[in-house]
Amino acid sequence: MPRPSRHRLVIDGRTTAMVEIADTWARRARGMLARRALPAALLLRPCASVHGVGMRVPLDVAFLTPEGAVLDVIVLRPWSAPRGRRGAAAVLEAPAGSFARWDLTRGSAVQTAPDREPS
């Protein structure tokens, strides 16, 4: 599988972290599973629901509208299966505690921007 492109995660106009974008079936199916080190953030799109089956650590999860507005925020516990969110078009995942550091809450605006490669 080709390496995902690097993007900047922008929350309420502030760059907060680098984000991997899972925009193929294979990348979405893998998600955060079986990784030695978790990425700072993973954006799954299209996606309206997630599960913690097979996970070993909790994750912060935000359900996003097509425009990038945060509909809801939860902590996904290992082996849990929360219900999906109506109107969600994408899901942002990050290691637990990340959203508090980034001040990401319900109503926040989430965007991505290509990483600027050094020249």
N, C-alpha and C. Protein backbone atom coordinates (compact mmCIF):
# COMPACT_ATOMS: atom_id res chain seq x y z
N MET A 1 0.85 -1.18 0.00
CA MET A 1 0.00 0.00 0.00
C MET A 1 0.90 1.24 0.00
N PRO A 2 0.64 2.21 -0.88
CA PRO A 2 1.45 3.42 -0.91
C PRO A 2 1.36 4.17 0.42
N ARG A 3 2.43 4.83 0.75
CA ARG A 3 2.47 5.61 1.99
C ARG A 3 1.49 6.79 1.88
N PRO A 4 0.69 7.05 2.93
CA PRO A 4 -0.26 8.16 2.85
C PRO A 4 0.46 9.50 2.79
N SER A 5 -0.17 10.45 2.14
CA SER A 5 0.43 11.78 2.06
C SER A 5 0.32 12.48 3.41
N ARG A 6 1.25 13.36 3.67
CA ARG A 6 1.27 14.10 4.93
C ARG A 6 0.47 15.39 4.77
N HIS A 7 -0.37 15.63 5.74
CA HIS A 7 -1.17 16.85 5.77
C HIS A 7 -1.05 17.49 7.15
N ARG A 8 -1.30 18.77 7.18
CA ARG A 8 -1.37 19.48 8.46
C ARG A 8 -2.82 19.45 8.93
N LEU A 9 -3.02 19.24 10.21
CA LEU A 9 -4.35 19.28 10.81
C LEU A 9 -4.56 20.68 11.36
N VAL A 10 -5.61 21.35 10.86
CA VAL A 10 -5.90 22.72 11.25
C VAL A 10 -7.23 22.72 12.01
N ILE A 11 -7.18 23.17 13.27
CA ILE A 11 -8.38 23.22 14.10
C ILE A 11 -8.64 24.67 14.49
N ASP A 12 -9.80 25.16 14.11
CA ASP A 12 -10.18 26.55 14.39
C ASP A 12 -9.09 27.52 13.94
N GLY A 13 -8.51 27.23 12.77
CA GLY A 13 -7.52 28.13 12.18
C GLY A 13 -6.09 27.93 12.67
N ARG A 14 -5.87 27.00 13.60
CA ARG A 14 -4.53 26.76 14.16
C ARG A 14 -4.02 25.40 13.69
N THR A 15 -2.80 25.35 13.19
CA THR A 15 -2.18 24.07 12.87
C THR A 15 -1.82 23.38 14.18
N THR A 16 -2.30 22.15 14.36
CA THR A 16 -2.11 21.46 15.63
C THR A 16 -1.21 20.24 15.54
N ALA A 17 -1.23 19.54 14.41
CA ALA A 17 -0.48 18.29 14.29
C ALA A 17 -0.41 17.89 12.82
N MET A 18 0.32 16.82 12.57
CA MET A 18 0.29 16.20 11.25
C MET A 18 -0.80 15.13 11.29
N VAL A 19 -1.44 14.91 10.16
CA VAL A 19 -2.54 13.95 10.10
C VAL A 19 -2.36 13.05 8.88
N GLU A 20 -2.62 11.77 9.06
CA GLU A 20 -2.69 10.83 7.94
C GLU A 20 -4.15 10.80 7.50
N ILE A 21 -4.35 10.69 6.19
CA ILE A 21 -5.71 10.63 5.67
C ILE A 21 -5.97 9.23 5.14
N ALA A 22 -6.98 8.57 5.71
CA ALA A 22 -7.38 7.24 5.29
C ALA A 22 -8.59 7.40 4.37
N ASP A 23 -8.33 7.47 3.08
CA ASP A 23 -9.40 7.73 2.12
C ASP A 23 -9.62 6.59 1.14
N THR A 24 -9.05 5.42 1.46
CA THR A 24 -9.32 4.21 0.68
C THR A 24 -9.88 3.17 1.63
N TRP A 25 -10.55 2.16 1.07
CA TRP A 25 -11.11 1.11 1.90
C TRP A 25 -10.03 0.45 2.75
N ALA A 26 -8.88 0.14 2.17
CA ALA A 26 -7.81 -0.55 2.91
C ALA A 26 -7.27 0.32 4.05
N ARG A 27 -7.06 1.58 3.81
CA ARG A 27 -6.54 2.47 4.86
C ARG A 27 -7.56 2.66 5.98
N ARG A 28 -8.84 2.79 5.62
CA ARG A 28 -9.87 2.92 6.65
C ARG A 28 -9.99 1.64 7.46
N ALA A 29 -9.89 0.47 6.79
CA ALA A 29 -10.00 -0.81 7.50
C ALA A 29 -8.86 -0.99 8.49
N ARG A 30 -7.67 -0.55 8.14
CA ARG A 30 -6.54 -0.66 9.07
C ARG A 30 -6.68 0.33 10.21
N GLY A 31 -7.06 1.56 9.89
CA GLY A 31 -7.22 2.59 10.92
C GLY A 31 -5.99 2.68 11.80
N MET A 32 -6.21 2.61 13.12
CA MET A 32 -5.12 2.68 14.09
C MET A 32 -4.68 1.29 14.57
N LEU A 33 -5.22 0.23 13.96
CA LEU A 33 -4.91 -1.12 14.39
C LEU A 33 -3.49 -1.53 14.02
N ALA A 34 -2.91 -2.36 14.87
CA ALA A 34 -1.62 -3.03 14.61
C ALA A 34 -0.50 -2.05 14.26
N ARG A 35 -0.47 -0.93 14.92
CA ARG A 35 0.61 0.03 14.69
C ARG A 35 1.51 0.04 15.92
N ARG A 36 2.80 0.01 15.68
CA ARG A 36 3.74 0.10 16.80
C ARG A 36 3.66 1.47 17.45
N ALA A 37 3.61 2.48 16.62
CA ALA A 37 3.47 3.86 17.11
C ALA A 37 2.26 4.47 16.41
N LEU A 38 1.40 5.10 17.19
CA LEU A 38 0.22 5.74 16.60
C LEU A 38 0.61 7.05 15.95
N PRO A 39 -0.02 7.39 14.82
CA PRO A 39 0.20 8.72 14.26
C PRO A 39 -0.42 9.77 15.17
N ALA A 40 -0.02 11.01 15.01
CA ALA A 40 -0.59 12.09 15.82
C ALA A 40 -2.09 12.18 15.60
N ALA A 41 -2.54 11.93 14.36
CA ALA A 41 -3.97 11.98 14.05
C ALA A 41 -4.22 11.18 12.78
N LEU A 42 -5.44 10.67 12.67
CA LEU A 42 -5.87 9.92 11.49
C LEU A 42 -7.26 10.40 11.12
N LEU A 43 -7.44 10.81 9.87
CA LEU A 43 -8.74 11.25 9.37
C LEU A 43 -9.28 10.17 8.45
N LEU A 44 -10.41 9.58 8.82
CA LEU A 44 -11.05 8.55 8.01
C LEU A 44 -12.20 9.20 7.24
N ARG A 45 -12.14 9.09 5.91
CA ARG A 45 -13.22 9.66 5.10
C ARG A 45 -13.38 8.89 3.80
N PRO A 46 -14.60 8.60 3.40
CA PRO A 46 -15.84 8.85 4.13
C PRO A 46 -15.96 7.88 5.29
N CYS A 47 -16.62 8.31 6.36
CA CYS A 47 -16.78 7.48 7.55
C CYS A 47 -17.78 8.14 8.49
N ALA A 48 -18.67 7.34 9.07
CA ALA A 48 -19.65 7.87 10.02
C ALA A 48 -19.63 7.12 11.35
N SER A 49 -18.86 6.01 11.43
CA SER A 49 -18.80 5.26 12.67
C SER A 49 -17.46 4.54 12.77
N VAL A 50 -17.06 4.24 14.00
CA VAL A 50 -15.80 3.54 14.26
C VAL A 50 -16.03 2.51 15.37
N HIS A 51 -15.03 1.67 15.60
CA HIS A 51 -15.10 0.70 16.70
C HIS A 51 -13.70 0.55 17.29
N GLY A 52 -13.66 0.02 18.50
CA GLY A 52 -12.39 -0.19 19.18
C GLY A 52 -11.98 -1.65 19.24
N VAL A 53 -12.60 -2.50 18.42
CA VAL A 53 -12.28 -3.92 18.42
C VAL A 53 -10.83 -4.10 17.97
N GLY A 54 -10.06 -4.77 18.82
CA GLY A 54 -8.66 -5.00 18.51
C GLY A 54 -7.72 -3.91 19.01
N MET A 55 -8.27 -2.81 19.49
CA MET A 55 -7.43 -1.71 19.97
C MET A 55 -6.92 -2.02 21.37
N ARG A 56 -5.74 -1.50 21.69
CA ARG A 56 -5.16 -1.69 23.02
C ARG A 56 -5.20 -0.43 23.87
N VAL A 57 -5.39 0.71 23.23
CA VAL A 57 -5.38 1.99 23.95
C VAL A 57 -6.61 2.81 23.57
N PRO A 58 -7.06 3.70 24.46
CA PRO A 58 -8.19 4.56 24.12
C PRO A 58 -7.77 5.63 23.11
N LEU A 59 -8.75 6.09 22.34
CA LEU A 59 -8.52 7.14 21.34
C LEU A 59 -9.54 8.25 21.52
N ASP A 60 -9.13 9.48 21.24
CA ASP A 60 -10.08 10.58 21.07
C ASP A 60 -10.68 10.44 19.68
N VAL A 61 -11.99 10.62 19.57
CA VAL A 61 -12.68 10.49 18.28
C VAL A 61 -13.62 11.68 18.11
N ALA A 62 -13.55 12.31 16.93
CA ALA A 62 -14.47 13.40 16.59
C ALA A 62 -15.20 13.03 15.30
N PHE A 63 -16.51 13.19 15.32
CA PHE A 63 -17.34 12.95 14.15
C PHE A 63 -17.53 14.30 13.45
N LEU A 64 -17.24 14.36 12.14
CA LEU A 64 -17.23 15.61 11.40
C LEU A 64 -18.29 15.66 10.31
N THR A 65 -18.86 16.84 10.10
CA THR A 65 -19.78 17.06 8.98
C THR A 65 -18.98 17.12 7.70
N PRO A 66 -19.64 17.12 6.54
CA PRO A 66 -18.91 17.27 5.28
C PRO A 66 -18.08 18.56 5.23
N GLU A 67 -18.50 19.59 5.95
CA GLU A 67 -17.78 20.87 5.96
C GLU A 67 -16.65 20.90 6.99
N GLY A 68 -16.55 19.86 7.84
CA GLY A 68 -15.49 19.80 8.83
C GLY A 68 -15.87 20.29 10.21
N ALA A 69 -17.15 20.57 10.45
CA ALA A 69 -17.59 20.97 11.79
C ALA A 69 -17.68 19.72 12.67
N VAL A 70 -17.26 19.83 13.91
CA VAL A 70 -17.29 18.70 14.83
C VAL A 70 -18.71 18.53 15.38
N LEU A 71 -19.32 17.37 15.07
CA LEU A 71 -20.66 17.04 15.55
C LEU A 71 -20.63 16.54 16.99
N ASP A 72 -19.65 15.71 17.29
CA ASP A 72 -19.57 15.10 18.61
C ASP A 72 -18.14 14.63 18.84
N VAL A 73 -17.78 14.52 20.11
CA VAL A 73 -16.45 14.05 20.52
C VAL A 73 -16.65 12.98 21.58
N ILE A 74 -15.93 11.87 21.43
CA ILE A 74 -15.98 10.79 22.43
C ILE A 74 -14.58 10.27 22.67
N VAL A 75 -14.43 9.49 23.74
CA VAL A 75 -13.22 8.70 23.94
C VAL A 75 -13.61 7.27 23.59
N LEU A 76 -12.93 6.71 22.61
CA LEU A 76 -13.19 5.34 22.16
C LEU A 76 -12.34 4.39 23.01
N ARG A 77 -12.99 3.57 23.79
CA ARG A 77 -12.31 2.60 24.66
C ARG A 77 -12.01 1.33 23.86
N PRO A 78 -10.91 0.66 24.20
CA PRO A 78 -10.63 -0.62 23.51
C PRO A 78 -11.82 -1.56 23.60
N TRP A 79 -12.08 -2.23 22.50
CA TRP A 79 -13.13 -3.23 22.35
C TRP A 79 -14.55 -2.68 22.42
N SER A 80 -14.71 -1.36 22.40
CA SER A 80 -16.06 -0.79 22.41
C SER A 80 -16.56 -0.58 20.99
N ALA A 81 -17.87 -0.39 20.86
CA ALA A 81 -18.49 -0.17 19.56
C ALA A 81 -19.59 0.87 19.71
N PRO A 82 -19.21 2.16 19.78
CA PRO A 82 -20.23 3.20 19.94
C PRO A 82 -21.05 3.34 18.66
N ARG A 83 -22.23 3.91 18.81
CA ARG A 83 -23.08 4.12 17.63
C ARG A 83 -22.48 5.22 16.74
N GLY A 84 -22.79 5.15 15.45
CA GLY A 84 -22.36 6.18 14.52
C GLY A 84 -23.13 7.47 14.76
N ARG A 85 -22.77 8.50 14.07
CA ARG A 85 -23.43 9.79 14.23
C ARG A 85 -24.08 10.20 12.91
N ARG A 86 -25.37 10.51 12.97
CA ARG A 86 -26.10 10.97 11.80
C ARG A 86 -25.48 12.27 11.31
N GLY A 87 -25.25 12.36 10.02
CA GLY A 87 -24.68 13.57 9.43
C GLY A 87 -23.16 13.57 9.37
N ALA A 88 -22.53 12.56 9.96
CA ALA A 88 -21.06 12.50 9.92
C ALA A 88 -20.60 12.05 8.54
N ALA A 89 -19.58 12.71 8.04
CA ALA A 89 -18.98 12.35 6.75
C ALA A 89 -17.54 11.90 6.92
N ALA A 90 -16.96 12.18 8.09
CA ALA A 90 -15.57 11.82 8.37
C ALA A 90 -15.41 11.66 9.88
N VAL A 91 -14.36 10.94 10.25
CA VAL A 91 -14.03 10.75 11.66
C VAL A 91 -12.55 11.04 11.85
N LEU A 92 -12.25 11.84 12.86
CA LEU A 92 -10.88 12.15 13.23
C LEU A 92 -10.54 11.36 14.48
N GLU A 93 -9.43 10.61 14.44
CA GLU A 93 -8.96 9.86 15.59
C GLU A 93 -7.58 10.36 15.99
N ALA A 94 -7.32 10.30 17.29
CA ALA A 94 -6.00 10.68 17.82
C ALA A 94 -5.81 9.99 19.16
N PRO A 95 -4.57 9.83 19.60
CA PRO A 95 -4.36 9.24 20.92
C PRO A 95 -5.11 10.03 21.99
N ALA A 96 -5.66 9.31 22.98
CA ALA A 96 -6.45 9.95 24.04
C ALA A 96 -5.65 11.08 24.68
N GLY A 97 -6.32 12.20 24.90
CA GLY A 97 -5.70 13.39 25.48
C GLY A 97 -5.32 14.43 24.45
N SER A 98 -5.25 14.04 23.18
CA SER A 98 -4.85 14.97 22.12
C SER A 98 -5.86 16.10 21.95
N PHE A 99 -7.16 15.78 21.96
CA PHE A 99 -8.17 16.80 21.72
C PHE A 99 -8.14 17.87 22.80
N ALA A 100 -7.89 17.48 24.04
CA ALA A 100 -7.79 18.47 25.12
C ALA A 100 -6.61 19.41 24.87
N ARG A 101 -5.48 18.86 24.44
CA ARG A 101 -4.31 19.71 24.14
C ARG A 101 -4.59 20.64 22.97
N TRP A 102 -5.36 20.17 21.99
CA TRP A 102 -5.65 20.96 20.79
C TRP A 102 -6.87 21.85 20.97
N ASP A 103 -7.56 21.75 22.08
CA ASP A 103 -8.79 22.49 22.35
C ASP A 103 -9.86 22.18 21.30
N LEU A 104 -9.95 20.91 20.90
CA LEU A 104 -10.96 20.47 19.94
C LEU A 104 -12.20 20.04 20.72
N THR A 105 -13.32 20.67 20.43
CA THR A 105 -14.58 20.38 21.10
C THR A 105 -15.71 20.36 20.07
N ARG A 106 -16.90 19.98 20.51
CA ARG A 106 -18.07 20.04 19.64
C ARG A 106 -18.18 21.45 19.08
N GLY A 107 -18.36 21.56 17.77
CA GLY A 107 -18.48 22.86 17.12
C GLY A 107 -17.17 23.38 16.53
N SER A 108 -16.04 22.78 16.89
CA SER A 108 -14.76 23.21 16.31
C SER A 108 -14.78 22.99 14.80
N ALA A 109 -13.96 23.76 14.10
CA ALA A 109 -13.81 23.62 12.65
C ALA A 109 -12.50 22.89 12.36
N VAL A 110 -12.59 21.76 11.64
CA VAL A 110 -11.43 20.94 11.33
C VAL A 110 -11.18 20.99 9.83
N GLN A 111 -9.93 21.25 9.46
CA GLN A 111 -9.52 21.26 8.06
C GLN A 111 -8.17 20.56 7.96
N THR A 112 -7.80 20.18 6.74
CA THR A 112 -6.47 19.67 6.47
C THR A 112 -5.86 20.51 5.38
N ALA A 113 -4.53 20.57 5.38
CA ALA A 113 -3.81 21.29 4.34
C ALA A 113 -2.56 20.48 4.03
N PRO A 114 -2.20 20.40 2.75
CA PRO A 114 -0.99 19.64 2.40
C PRO A 114 0.22 20.18 3.18
N ASP A 115 1.07 19.25 3.60
CA ASP A 115 2.29 19.64 4.29
C ASP A 115 3.20 20.35 3.30
N ARG A 116 3.79 21.41 3.74
CA ARG A 116 4.74 22.14 2.89
C ARG A 116 6.08 21.42 2.97
N GLU A 117 6.48 20.85 1.87
CA GLU A 117 7.75 20.15 1.81
C GLU A 117 8.89 21.17 1.77
N PRO A 118 9.96 20.91 2.53
CA PRO A 118 11.09 21.84 2.49
C PRO A 118 11.72 21.83 1.11
N SER A 119 12.17 23.02 0.65
CA SER A 119 12.78 23.08 -0.68
C SER A 119 14.26 22.88 -0.63
